[in-house]
Amino acid sequence: MNIKTLSLLVLLPASLSLGGCTAVALVDAAASTAIGAGKLAVKGTTAAVGAVIPDGEDDKKKKK
């Protein structure tokens, strides 16, 4: 077995495994972005609803 064949046998699996890591990282980044956008939308909606519909927390504080 010569050096070129040996290096090919070593480098080919290594490059394929690193490609898999890259794919996983891209999917993870996309999922994290989607989750972050969802959280932001929920927080914005909650703030808007809270501004329009008071929940009476001030009344509870005044009674004490």
C-alpha atoms as a PDB file:
ATOM      1  CA  MET A   1       0.000   0.000   0.000  1.00  0.00           C
ATOM      2  CA  ASN A   2       1.516   3.312  -1.011  1.00  0.00           C
ATOM      3  CA  ILE A   3       1.279   6.678   0.759  1.00  0.00           C
ATOM      4  CA  LYS A   4      -1.396   8.104  -1.568  1.00  0.00           C
ATOM      5  CA  THR A   5      -3.737   5.195  -0.976  1.00  0.00           C
ATOM      6  CA  LEU A   6      -3.158   5.281   2.756  1.00  0.00           C
ATOM      7  CA  SER A   7      -3.769   9.017   2.970  1.00  0.00           C
ATOM      8  CA  LEU A   8      -6.923   8.624   0.884  1.00  0.00           C
ATOM      9  CA  LEU A   9      -8.199   5.928   3.234  1.00  0.00           C
ATOM     10  CA  VAL A  10      -7.572   8.179   6.220  1.00  0.00           C
ATOM     11  CA  LEU A  11      -8.751  11.512   4.821  1.00  0.00           C
ATOM     12  CA  LEU A  12     -11.911  10.358   3.040  1.00  0.00           C
ATOM     13  CA  PRO A  13     -13.761   9.140   6.165  1.00  0.00           C
ATOM     14  CA  ALA A  14     -12.550  12.186   8.098  1.00  0.00           C
ATOM     15  CA  SER A  15     -13.882  14.595   5.485  1.00  0.00           C
ATOM     16  CA  LEU A  16     -17.214  12.777   5.320  1.00  0.00           C
ATOM     17  CA  SER A  17     -17.653  12.900   9.076  1.00  0.00           C
ATOM     18  CA  LEU A  18     -16.844  16.620   9.166  1.00  0.00           C
ATOM     19  CA  GLY A  19     -19.418  17.189   6.441  1.00  0.00           C
ATOM     20  CA  GLY A  20     -21.995  15.541   8.671  1.00  0.00           C
ATOM     21  CA  CYS A  21     -21.068  17.870  11.518  1.00  0.00           C
ATOM     22  CA  THR A  22     -21.540  20.839   9.222  1.00  0.00           C
ATOM     23  CA  ALA A  23     -24.988  19.631   8.196  1.00  0.00           C
ATOM     24  CA  VAL A  24     -25.996  19.130  11.823  1.00  0.00           C
ATOM     25  CA  ALA A  25     -24.710  22.597  12.720  1.00  0.00           C
ATOM     26  CA  LEU A  26     -26.728  24.188   9.912  1.00  0.00           C
ATOM     27  CA  VAL A  27     -29.916  22.397  10.953  1.00  0.00           C
ATOM     28  CA  ASP A  28     -29.304  23.367  14.577  1.00  0.00           C
ATOM     29  CA  ALA A  29     -28.804  27.013  13.636  1.00  0.00           C
ATOM     30  CA  ALA A  30     -32.002  27.031  11.582  1.00  0.00           C
ATOM     31  CA  ALA A  31     -33.989  25.433  14.397  1.00  0.00           C
ATOM     32  CA  SER A  32     -32.581  27.865  16.967  1.00  0.00           C
ATOM     33  CA  THR A  33     -33.540  30.799  14.753  1.00  0.00           C
ATOM     34  CA  ALA A  34     -37.076  29.483  14.330  1.00  0.00           C
ATOM     35  CA  ILE A  35     -37.468  28.925  18.063  1.00  0.00           C
ATOM     36  CA  GLY A  36     -36.109  32.404  18.823  1.00  0.00           C
ATOM     37  CA  ALA A  37     -38.526  33.982  16.359  1.00  0.00           C
ATOM     38  CA  GLY A  38     -41.397  32.053  17.918  1.00  0.00           C
ATOM     39  CA  LYS A  39     -40.466  33.212  21.406  1.00  0.00           C
ATOM     40  CA  LEU A  40     -40.261  36.802  20.210  1.00  0.00           C
ATOM     41  CA  ALA A  41     -43.704  36.573  18.602  1.00  0.00           C
ATOM     42  CA  VAL A  42     -45.222  35.153  21.787  1.00  0.00           C
ATOM     43  CA  LYS A  43     -43.643  37.856  23.957  1.00  0.00           C
ATOM     44  CA  GLY A  44     -44.891  40.577  21.600  1.00  0.00           C
ATOM     45  CA  THR A  45     -48.398  39.154  21.547  1.00  0.00           C
ATOM     46  CA  THR A  46     -48.445  38.808  25.330  1.00  0.00           C
ATOM     47  CA  ALA A  47     -47.357  42.419  25.758  1.00  0.00           C
ATOM     48  CA  ALA A  48     -49.984  43.650  23.314  1.00  0.00           C
ATOM     49  CA  VAL A  49     -52.761  41.675  24.980  1.00  0.00           C
ATOM     50  CA  GLY A  50     -51.590  42.824  28.406  1.00  0.00           C
ATOM     51  CA  ALA A  51     -51.722  46.447  27.273  1.00  0.00           C
ATOM     52  CA  VAL A  52     -55.242  46.109  25.859  1.00  0.00           C
ATOM     53  CA  ILE A  53     -56.779  43.861  28.523  1.00  0.00           C
ATOM     54  CA  PRO A  54     -55.720  44.802  32.051  1.00  0.00           C
ATOM     55  CA  ASP A  55     -55.514  41.823  34.382  1.00  0.00           C
ATOM     56  CA  GLY A  56     -56.374  43.605  37.611  1.00  0.00           C
ATOM     57  CA  GLU A  57     -53.039  43.248  39.387  1.00  0.00           C
ATOM     58  CA  ASP A  58     -53.199  46.887  40.494  1.00  0.00           C
ATOM     59  CA  ASP A  59     -56.556  46.272  42.206  1.00  0.00           C
ATOM     60  CA  LYS A  60     -55.070  43.396  44.194  1.00  0.00           C
ATOM     61  CA  LYS A  61     -52.179  45.572  45.336  1.00  0.00           C
ATOM     62  CA  LYS A  62     -54.517  48.379  46.471  1.00  0.00           C
ATOM     63  CA  LYS A  63     -56.588  46.013  48.679  1.00  0.00           C
ATOM     64  CA  LYS A  64     -53.568  44.937  50.742  1.00  0.00           C
END
